[in-house]
Amino acid sequence: MEWKSALVTFAIIFLAELGDKTQLMVMSLSARSKAPHMIFLGAAGALIASSLVAVVAGDSFLRHIPVRYLRLGTGAMFMMIGAMLVYRSLRS
């Protein structure tokens, strides 16, 4: 197993998830719950399940689409999202 890949993935996702709406929702649910450990299990299970979908989809894409096109496509999507955010901020 490539531990470096696992550690880099952990670090990137851990930092990306800090303070996002999912974490805030989990904190809110935990504050209202009498069983915070069950909130943790539910949130951890959801993150594992969504990560599994992403890994399976990514692996499938890589098997059928050349890496160059995947990079171009993801880059284009990020640019479109950025342009939409800029456009929205200029309109308001």
PDB file of N, CA and C in Angstrom:
ATOM      1  N   MET A   1       0.850  -1.189   0.000  1.00  0.00           N
ATOM      2  CA  MET A   1       0.000   0.000   0.000  1.00  0.00           C
ATOM      3  C   MET A   1       0.886   1.240   0.000  1.00  0.00           C
ATOM      4  N   GLU A   2       0.474   2.245  -0.724  1.00  0.00           N
ATOM      5  CA  GLU A   2       1.226   3.478  -0.778  1.00  0.00           C
ATOM      6  C   GLU A   2       0.760   4.405   0.345  1.00  0.00           C
ATOM      7  N   TRP A   3       1.492   4.398   1.446  1.00  0.00           N
ATOM      8  CA  TRP A   3       1.119   5.200   2.605  1.00  0.00           C
ATOM      9  C   TRP A   3       1.186   6.692   2.314  1.00  0.00           C
ATOM     10  N   LYS A   4       2.125   7.089   1.459  1.00  0.00           N
ATOM     11  CA  LYS A   4       2.240   8.505   1.127  1.00  0.00           C
ATOM     12  C   LYS A   4       0.950   9.000   0.481  1.00  0.00           C
ATOM     13  N   SER A   5       0.387   8.239  -0.446  1.00  0.00           N
ATOM     14  CA  SER A   5      -0.870   8.623  -1.097  1.00  0.00           C
ATOM     15  C   SER A   5      -1.996   8.740  -0.079  1.00  0.00           C
ATOM     16  N   ALA A   6      -2.062   7.784   0.839  1.00  0.00           N
ATOM     17  CA  ALA A   6      -3.109   7.804   1.864  1.00  0.00           C
ATOM     18  C   ALA A   6      -2.957   9.018   2.778  1.00  0.00           C
ATOM     19  N   LEU A   7      -1.729   9.317   3.190  1.00  0.00           N
ATOM     20  CA  LEU A   7      -1.508  10.444   4.092  1.00  0.00           C
ATOM     21  C   LEU A   7      -1.777  11.776   3.407  1.00  0.00           C
ATOM     22  N   VAL A   8      -1.360  11.914   2.154  1.00  0.00           N
ATOM     23  CA  VAL A   8      -1.620  13.151   1.413  1.00  0.00           C
ATOM     24  C   VAL A   8      -3.123  13.336   1.226  1.00  0.00           C
ATOM     25  N   THR A   9      -3.824  12.277   0.869  1.00  0.00           N
ATOM     26  CA  THR A   9      -5.275  12.347   0.699  1.00  0.00           C
ATOM     27  C   THR A   9      -5.946  12.740   2.012  1.00  0.00           C
ATOM     28  N   PHE A  10      -5.518  12.113   3.110  1.00  0.00           N
ATOM     29  CA  PHE A  10      -6.081  12.453   4.420  1.00  0.00           C
ATOM     30  C   PHE A  10      -5.875  13.930   4.725  1.00  0.00           C
ATOM     31  N   ALA A  11      -4.667  14.420   4.543  1.00  0.00           N
ATOM     32  CA  ALA A  11      -4.361  15.814   4.869  1.00  0.00           C
ATOM     33  C   ALA A  11      -5.184  16.782   4.031  1.00  0.00           C
ATOM     34  N   ILE A  12      -5.274  16.524   2.732  1.00  0.00           N
ATOM     35  CA  ILE A  12      -6.021  17.422   1.842  1.00  0.00           C
ATOM     36  C   ILE A  12      -7.500  17.449   2.219  1.00  0.00           C
ATOM     37  N   ILE A  13      -8.089  16.288   2.411  1.00  0.00           N
ATOM     38  CA  ILE A  13      -9.518  16.239   2.732  1.00  0.00           C
ATOM     39  C   ILE A  13      -9.780  16.794   4.120  1.00  0.00           C
ATOM     40  N   PHE A  14      -8.909  16.485   5.079  1.00  0.00           N
ATOM     41  CA  PHE A  14      -9.089  17.009   6.441  1.00  0.00           C
ATOM     42  C   PHE A  14      -9.091  18.533   6.427  1.00  0.00           C
ATOM     43  N   LEU A  15      -8.130  19.138   5.745  1.00  0.00           N
ATOM     44  CA  LEU A  15      -8.058  20.597   5.692  1.00  0.00           C
ATOM     45  C   LEU A  15      -9.225  21.192   4.904  1.00  0.00           C
ATOM     46  N   ALA A  16      -9.635  20.522   3.829  1.00  0.00           N
ATOM     47  CA  ALA A  16     -10.739  21.030   3.016  1.00  0.00           C
ATOM     48  C   ALA A  16     -12.068  20.984   3.765  1.00  0.00           C
ATOM     49  N   GLU A  17     -12.232  20.011   4.633  1.00  0.00           N
ATOM     50  CA  GLU A  17     -13.490  19.841   5.341  1.00  0.00           C
ATOM     51  C   GLU A  17     -13.612  20.718   6.582  1.00  0.00           C
ATOM     52  N   LEU A  18     -12.497  21.268   7.071  1.00  0.00           N
ATOM     53  CA  LEU A  18     -12.565  22.098   8.276  1.00  0.00           C
ATOM     54  C   LEU A  18     -13.437  23.328   8.023  1.00  0.00           C
ATOM     55  N   GLY A  19     -14.439  23.500   8.861  1.00  0.00           N
ATOM     56  CA  GLY A  19     -15.281  24.687   8.780  1.00  0.00           C
ATOM     57  C   GLY A  19     -16.272  24.708   7.633  1.00  0.00           C
ATOM     58  N   ASP A  20     -16.440  23.605   6.925  1.00  0.00           N
ATOM     59  CA  ASP A  20     -17.417  23.629   5.836  1.00  0.00           C
ATOM     60  C   ASP A  20     -18.814  23.332   6.377  1.00  0.00           C
ATOM     61  N   LYS A  21     -19.801  23.398   5.504  1.00  0.00           N
ATOM     62  CA  LYS A  21     -21.184  23.238   5.960  1.00  0.00           C
ATOM     63  C   LYS A  21     -21.462  21.858   6.531  1.00  0.00           C
ATOM     64  N   THR A  22     -20.757  20.839   6.062  1.00  0.00           N
ATOM     65  CA  THR A  22     -20.955  19.499   6.616  1.00  0.00           C
ATOM     66  C   THR A  22     -20.505  19.457   8.074  1.00  0.00           C
ATOM     67  N   GLN A  23     -19.347  20.025   8.351  1.00  0.00           N
ATOM     68  CA  GLN A  23     -18.856  20.033   9.735  1.00  0.00           C
ATOM     69  C   GLN A  23     -19.788  20.850  10.627  1.00  0.00           C
ATOM     70  N   LEU A  24     -20.253  21.980  10.142  1.00  0.00           N
ATOM     71  CA  LEU A  24     -21.175  22.794  10.942  1.00  0.00           C
ATOM     72  C   LEU A  24     -22.483  22.053  11.207  1.00  0.00           C
ATOM     73  N   MET A  25     -22.965  21.316  10.212  1.00  0.00           N
ATOM     74  CA  MET A  25     -24.193  20.541  10.399  1.00  0.00           C
ATOM     75  C   MET A  25     -23.985  19.438  11.426  1.00  0.00           C
ATOM     76  N   VAL A  26     -22.827  18.773  11.363  1.00  0.00           N
ATOM     77  CA  VAL A  26     -22.540  17.700  12.327  1.00  0.00           C
ATOM     78  C   VAL A  26     -22.432  18.283  13.735  1.00  0.00           C
ATOM     79  N   MET A  27     -21.813  19.447  13.877  1.00  0.00           N
ATOM     80  CA  MET A  27     -21.718  20.084  15.197  1.00  0.00           C
ATOM     81  C   MET A  27     -23.106  20.420  15.725  1.00  0.00           C
ATOM     82  N   SER A  28     -23.978  20.911  14.854  1.00  0.00           N
ATOM     83  CA  SER A  28     -25.340  21.245  15.254  1.00  0.00           C
ATOM     84  C   SER A  28     -26.113  20.003  15.691  1.00  0.00           C
ATOM     85  N   LEU A  29     -26.007  18.934  14.889  1.00  0.00           N
ATOM     86  CA  LEU A  29     -26.689  17.683  15.257  1.00  0.00           C
ATOM     87  C   LEU A  29     -26.153  17.126  16.573  1.00  0.00           C
ATOM     88  N   SER A  30     -24.857  17.194  16.753  1.00  0.00           N
ATOM     89  CA  SER A  30     -24.238  16.670  17.967  1.00  0.00           C
ATOM     90  C   SER A  30     -24.665  17.472  19.194  1.00  0.00           C
ATOM     91  N   ALA A  31     -24.804  18.779  19.034  1.00  0.00           N
ATOM     92  CA  ALA A  31     -25.213  19.628  20.156  1.00  0.00           C
ATOM     93  C   ALA A  31     -26.631  19.304  20.608  1.00  0.00           C
ATOM     94  N   ARG A  32     -27.480  18.870  19.675  1.00  0.00           N
ATOM     95  CA  ARG A  32     -28.870  18.555  20.011  1.00  0.00           C
ATOM     96  C   ARG A  32     -29.076  17.101  20.405  1.00  0.00           C
ATOM     97  N   SER A  33     -28.081  16.282  20.165  1.00  0.00           N
ATOM     98  CA  SER A  33     -28.239  14.838  20.356  1.00  0.00           C
ATOM     99  C   SER A  33     -27.838  14.405  21.761  1.00  0.00           C
ATOM    100  N   LYS A  34     -28.499  13.372  22.224  1.00  0.00           N
ATOM    101  CA  LYS A  34     -28.100  12.750  23.480  1.00  0.00           C
ATOM    102  C   LYS A  34     -27.122  11.597  23.229  1.00  0.00           C
ATOM    103  N   ALA A  35     -26.808  11.367  21.953  1.00  0.00           N
ATOM    104  CA  ALA A  35     -25.892  10.291  21.584  1.00  0.00           C
ATOM    105  C   ALA A  35     -24.917  10.802  20.521  1.00  0.00           C
ATOM    106  N   PRO A  36     -23.972  11.664  20.918  1.00  0.00           N
ATOM    107  CA  PRO A  36     -23.058  12.232  19.925  1.00  0.00           C
ATOM    108  C   PRO A  36     -22.204  11.191  19.215  1.00  0.00           C
ATOM    109  N   HIS A  37     -21.951  10.059  19.873  1.00  0.00           N
ATOM    110  CA  HIS A  37     -21.172   9.014  19.210  1.00  0.00           C
ATOM    111  C   HIS A  37     -21.927   8.449  18.003  1.00  0.00           C
ATOM    112  N   MET A  38     -23.257   8.445  18.058  1.00  0.00           N
ATOM    113  CA  MET A  38     -24.033   7.977  16.912  1.00  0.00           C
ATOM    114  C   MET A  38     -24.006   9.007  15.772  1.00  0.00           C
ATOM    115  N   ILE A  39     -23.956  10.287  16.122  1.00  0.00           N
ATOM    116  CA  ILE A  39     -23.808  11.327  15.111  1.00  0.00           C
ATOM    117  C   ILE A  39     -22.459  11.144  14.410  1.00  0.00           C
ATOM    118  N   PHE A  40     -21.414  10.870  15.205  1.00  0.00           N
ATOM    119  CA  PHE A  40     -20.091  10.623  14.631  1.00  0.00           C
ATOM    120  C   PHE A  40     -20.129   9.428  13.680  1.00  0.00           C
ATOM    121  N   LEU A  41     -20.749   8.326  14.106  1.00  0.00           N
ATOM    122  CA  LEU A  41     -20.815   7.135  13.256  1.00  0.00           C
ATOM    123  C   LEU A  41     -21.587   7.412  11.961  1.00  0.00           C
ATOM    124  N   GLY A  42     -22.684   8.143  12.075  1.00  0.00           N
ATOM    125  CA  GLY A  42     -23.458   8.480  10.878  1.00  0.00           C
ATOM    126  C   GLY A  42     -22.675   9.373   9.924  1.00  0.00           C
ATOM    127  N   ALA A  43     -22.007  10.394  10.467  1.00  0.00           N
ATOM    128  CA  ALA A  43     -21.236  11.310   9.627  1.00  0.00           C
ATOM    129  C   ALA A  43     -20.043  10.595   9.002  1.00  0.00           C
ATOM    130  N   ALA A  44     -19.359   9.769   9.784  1.00  0.00           N
ATOM    131  CA  ALA A  44     -18.209   9.027   9.255  1.00  0.00           C
ATOM    132  C   ALA A  44     -18.659   8.059   8.164  1.00  0.00           C
ATOM    133  N   GLY A  45     -19.786   7.389   8.385  1.00  0.00           N
ATOM    134  CA  GLY A  45     -20.315   6.468   7.378  1.00  0.00           C
ATOM    135  C   GLY A  45     -20.683   7.185   6.091  1.00  0.00           C
ATOM    136  N   ALA A  46     -21.276   8.372   6.219  1.00  0.00           N
ATOM    137  CA  ALA A  46     -21.647   9.148   5.027  1.00  0.00           C
ATOM    138  C   ALA A  46     -20.405   9.588   4.260  1.00  0.00           C
ATOM    139  N   LEU A  47     -19.363  10.032   4.970  1.00  0.00           N
ATOM    140  CA  LEU A  47     -18.138  10.449   4.294  1.00  0.00           C
ATOM    141  C   LEU A  47     -17.457   9.262   3.612  1.00  0.00           C
ATOM    142  N   ILE A  48     -17.475   8.113   4.274  1.00  0.00           N
ATOM    143  CA  ILE A  48     -16.900   6.911   3.668  1.00  0.00           C
ATOM    144  C   ILE A  48     -17.677   6.529   2.406  1.00  0.00           C
ATOM    145  N   ALA A  49     -19.003   6.553   2.487  1.00  0.00           N
ATOM    146  CA  ALA A  49     -19.830   6.177   1.336  1.00  0.00           C
ATOM    147  C   ALA A  49     -19.632   7.146   0.160  1.00  0.00           C
ATOM    148  N   SER A  50     -19.609   8.458   0.451  1.00  0.00           N
ATOM    149  CA  SER A  50     -19.426   9.415  -0.641  1.00  0.00           C
ATOM    150  C   SER A  50     -18.016   9.323  -1.219  1.00  0.00           C
ATOM    151  N   SER A  51     -17.034   9.015  -0.385  1.00  0.00           N
ATOM    152  CA  SER A  51     -15.669   8.826  -0.883  1.00  0.00           C
ATOM    153  C   SER A  51     -15.583   7.575  -1.749  1.00  0.00           C
ATOM    154  N   LEU A  52     -16.287   6.522  -1.362  1.00  0.00           N
ATOM    155  CA  LEU A  52     -16.302   5.297  -2.161  1.00  0.00           C
ATOM    156  C   LEU A  52     -16.873   5.574  -3.546  1.00  0.00           C
ATOM    157  N   VAL A  53     -17.973   6.320  -3.606  1.00  0.00           N
ATOM    158  CA  VAL A  53     -18.567   6.671  -4.905  1.00  0.00           C
ATOM    159  C   VAL A  53     -17.558   7.457  -5.746  1.00  0.00           C
ATOM    160  N   ALA A  54     -16.866   8.420  -5.120  1.00  0.00           N
ATOM    161  CA  ALA A  54     -15.886   9.229  -5.853  1.00  0.00           C
ATOM    162  C   ALA A  54     -14.724   8.388  -6.361  1.00  0.00           C
ATOM    163  N   VAL A  55     -14.225   7.463  -5.545  1.00  0.00           N
ATOM    164  CA  VAL A  55     -13.101   6.616  -5.960  1.00  0.00           C
ATOM    165  C   VAL A  55     -13.512   5.679  -7.089  1.00  0.00           C
ATOM    166  N   VAL A  56     -14.676   5.065  -6.970  1.00  0.00           N
ATOM    167  CA  VAL A  56     -15.154   4.156  -8.019  1.00  0.00           C
ATOM    168  C   VAL A  56     -15.380   4.930  -9.323  1.00  0.00           C
ATOM    169  N   ALA A  57     -15.998   6.107  -9.224  1.00  0.00           N
ATOM    170  CA  ALA A  57     -16.237   6.916 -10.422  1.00  0.00           C
ATOM    171  C   ALA A  57     -14.912   7.363 -11.045  1.00  0.00           C
ATOM    172  N   GLY A  58     -13.977   7.831 -10.206  1.00  0.00           N
ATOM    173  CA  GLY A  58     -12.684   8.268 -10.720  1.00  0.00           C
ATOM    174  C   GLY A  58     -11.928   7.156 -11.408  1.00  0.00           C
ATOM    175  N   ASP A  59     -11.945   5.979 -10.802  1.00  0.00           N
ATOM    176  CA  ASP A  59     -11.275   4.829 -11.398  1.00  0.00           C
ATOM    177  C   ASP A  59     -11.935   4.448 -12.719  1.00  0.00           C
ATOM    178  N   SER A  60     -13.254   4.490 -12.760  1.00  0.00           N
ATOM    179  CA  SER A  60     -13.981   4.161 -13.990  1.00  0.00           C
ATOM    180  C   SER A  60     -13.681   5.180 -15.084  1.00  0.00           C
ATOM    181  N   PHE A  61     -13.683   6.462 -14.718  1.00  0.00           N
ATOM    182  CA  PHE A  61     -13.352   7.498 -15.705  1.00  0.00           C
ATOM    183  C   PHE A  61     -11.956   7.266 -16.266  1.00  0.00           C
ATOM    184  N   LEU A  62     -11.006   6.959 -15.381  1.00  0.00           N
ATOM    185  CA  LEU A  62      -9.622   6.777 -15.805  1.00  0.00           C
ATOM    186  C   LEU A  62      -9.480   5.587 -16.750  1.00  0.00           C
ATOM    187  N   ARG A  63     -10.295   4.567 -16.572  1.00  0.00           N
ATOM    188  CA  ARG A  63     -10.239   3.389 -17.443  1.00  0.00           C
ATOM    189  C   ARG A  63     -10.794   3.676 -18.838  1.00  0.00           C
ATOM    190  N   HIS A  64     -11.686   4.686 -18.944  1.00  0.00           N
ATOM    191  CA  HIS A  64     -12.365   4.935 -20.217  1.00  0.00           C
ATOM    192  C   HIS A  64     -12.002   6.263 -20.883  1.00  0.00           C
ATOM    193  N   ILE A  65     -11.408   7.167 -20.128  1.00  0.00           N
ATOM    194  CA  ILE A  65     -11.097   8.493 -20.667  1.00  0.00           C
ATOM    195  C   ILE A  65      -9.615   8.773 -20.407  1.00  0.00           C
ATOM    196  N   PRO A  66      -8.884   9.227 -21.418  1.00  0.00           N
ATOM    197  CA  PRO A  66      -7.467   9.548 -21.203  1.00  0.00           C
ATOM    198  C   PRO A  66      -7.283  10.647 -20.139  1.00  0.00           C
ATOM    199  N   VAL A  67      -6.184  10.546 -19.388  1.00  0.00           N
ATOM    200  CA  VAL A  67      -5.908  11.481 -18.291  1.00  0.00           C
ATOM    201  C   VAL A  67      -5.935  12.928 -18.782  1.00  0.00           C
ATOM    202  N   ARG A  68      -5.404  13.163 -19.959  1.00  0.00           N
ATOM    203  CA  ARG A  68      -5.362  14.532 -20.488  1.00  0.00           C
ATOM    204  C   ARG A  68      -6.759  15.130 -20.570  1.00  0.00           C
ATOM    205  N   TYR A  69      -7.720  14.368 -21.059  1.00  0.00           N
ATOM    206  CA  TYR A  69      -9.087  14.872 -21.178  1.00  0.00           C
ATOM    207  C   TYR A  69      -9.740  15.065 -19.812  1.00  0.00           C
ATOM    208  N   LEU A  70      -9.428  14.174 -18.868  1.00  0.00           N
ATOM    209  CA  LEU A  70      -9.954  14.345 -17.510  1.00  0.00           C
ATOM    210  C   LEU A  70      -9.443  15.643 -16.890  1.00  0.00           C
ATOM    211  N   ARG A  71      -8.146  15.915 -17.074  1.00  0.00           N
ATOM    212  CA  ARG A  71      -7.579  17.154 -16.527  1.00  0.00           C
ATOM    213  C   ARG A  71      -8.187  18.377 -17.196  1.00  0.00           C
ATOM    214  N   LEU A  72      -8.340  18.330 -18.500  1.00  0.00           N
ATOM    215  CA  LEU A  72      -8.958  19.452 -19.211  1.00  0.00           C
ATOM    216  C   LEU A  72     -10.408  19.659 -18.753  1.00  0.00           C
ATOM    217  N   GLY A  73     -11.126  18.567 -18.592  1.00  0.00           N
ATOM    218  CA  GLY A  73     -12.524  18.663 -18.160  1.00  0.00           C
ATOM    219  C   GLY A  73     -12.669  19.208 -16.754  1.00  0.00           C
ATOM    220  N   THR A  74     -11.866  18.704 -15.846  1.00  0.00           N
ATOM    221  CA  THR A  74     -11.970  19.195 -14.465  1.00  0.00           C
ATOM    222  C   THR A  74     -11.504  20.649 -14.377  1.00  0.00           C
ATOM    223  N   GLY A  75     -10.464  20.988 -15.123  1.00  0.00           N
ATOM    224  CA  GLY A  75     -10.011  22.378 -15.150  1.00  0.00           C
ATOM    225  C   GLY A  75     -11.090  23.305 -15.685  1.00  0.00           C
ATOM    226  N   ALA A  76     -11.758  22.879 -16.747  1.00  0.00           N
ATOM    227  CA  ALA A  76     -12.838  23.680 -17.329  1.00  0.00           C
ATOM    228  C   ALA A  76     -13.992  23.838 -16.338  1.00  0.00           C
ATOM    229  N   MET A  77     -14.323  22.765 -15.608  1.00  0.00           N
ATOM    230  CA  MET A  77     -15.407  22.863 -14.621  1.00  0.00           C
ATOM    231  C   MET A  77     -15.051  23.849 -13.517  1.00  0.00           C
ATOM    232  N   PHE A  78     -13.815  23.789 -13.008  1.00  0.00           N
ATOM    233  CA  PHE A  78     -13.405  24.728 -11.970  1.00  0.00           C
ATOM    234  C   PHE A  78     -13.435  26.164 -12.490  1.00  0.00           C
ATOM    235  N   MET A  79     -13.022  26.379 -13.735  1.00  0.00           N
ATOM    236  CA  MET A  79     -13.050  27.717 -14.313  1.00  0.00           C
ATOM    237  C   MET A  79     -14.489  28.217 -14.471  1.00  0.00           C
ATOM    238  N   MET A  80     -15.397  27.331 -14.871  1.00  0.00           N
ATOM    239  CA  MET A  80     -16.806  27.727 -14.999  1.00  0.00           C
ATOM    240  C   MET A  80     -17.393  28.089 -13.644  1.00  0.00           C
ATOM    241  N   ILE A  81     -17.094  27.297 -12.628  1.00  0.00           N
ATOM    242  CA  ILE A  81     -17.592  27.599 -11.280  1.00  0.00           C
ATOM    243  C   ILE A  81     -17.036  28.943 -10.820  1.00  0.00           C
ATOM    244  N   GLY A  82     -15.742  29.173 -11.035  1.00  0.00           N
ATOM    245  CA  GLY A  82     -15.132  30.447 -10.661  1.00  0.00           C
ATOM    246  C   GLY A  82     -15.777  31.611 -11.397  1.00  0.00           C
ATOM    247  N   ALA A  83     -16.014  31.448 -12.689  1.00  0.00           N
ATOM    248  CA  ALA A  83     -16.649  32.513 -13.474  1.00  0.00           C
ATOM    249  C   ALA A  83     -18.065  32.784 -12.974  1.00  0.00           C
ATOM    250  N   MET A  84     -18.798  31.724 -12.635  1.00  0.00           N
ATOM    251  CA  MET A  84     -20.152  31.911 -12.101  1.00  0.00           C
ATOM    252  C   MET A  84     -20.121  32.656 -10.771  1.00  0.00           C
ATOM    253  N   LEU A  85     -19.173  32.328  -9.914  1.00  0.00           N
ATOM    254  CA  LEU A  85     -19.068  33.018  -8.627  1.00  0.00           C
ATOM    255  C   LEU A  85     -18.717  34.495  -8.815  1.00  0.00           C
ATOM    256  N   VAL A  86     -17.804  34.781  -9.725  1.00  0.00           N
ATOM    257  CA  VAL A  86     -17.453  36.180 -10.007  1.00  0.00           C
ATOM    258  C   VAL A  86     -18.668  36.909 -10.567  1.00  0.00           C
ATOM    259  N   TYR A  87     -19.366  36.297 -11.508  1.00  0.00           N
ATOM    260  CA  TYR A  87     -20.548  36.902 -12.111  1.00  0.00           C
ATOM    261  C   TYR A  87     -21.608  37.205 -11.060  1.00  0.00           C
ATOM    262  N   ARG A  88     -21.866  36.248 -10.176  1.00  0.00           N
ATOM    263  CA  ARG A  88     -22.865  36.452  -9.118  1.00  0.00           C
ATOM    264  C   ARG A  88     -22.463  37.581  -8.177  1.00  0.00           C
ATOM    265  N   SER A  89     -21.175  37.636  -7.837  1.00  0.00           N
ATOM    266  CA  SER A  89     -20.741  38.688  -6.909  1.00  0.00           C
ATOM    267  C   SER A  89     -20.824  40.063  -7.557  1.00  0.00           C
ATOM    268  N   LEU A  90     -20.652  40.150  -8.873  1.00  0.00           N
ATOM    269  CA  LEU A  90     -20.766  41.430  -9.558  1.00  0.00           C
ATOM    270  C   LEU A  90     -22.225  41.875  -9.683  1.00  0.00           C
ATOM    271  N   ARG A  91     -23.135  40.927  -9.752  1.00  0.00           N
ATOM    272  CA  ARG A  91     -24.562  41.246  -9.885  1.00  0.00           C
ATOM    273  C   ARG A  91     -25.176  41.717  -8.580  1.00  0.00           C
ATOM    274  N   SER A  92     -24.597  41.325  -7.454  1.00  0.00           N
ATOM    275  CA  SER A  92     -25.228  41.686  -6.176  1.00  0.00           C
ATOM    276  C   SER A  92     -24.594  42.880  -5.536  1.00  0.00           C
TER     277      SER A  92
END
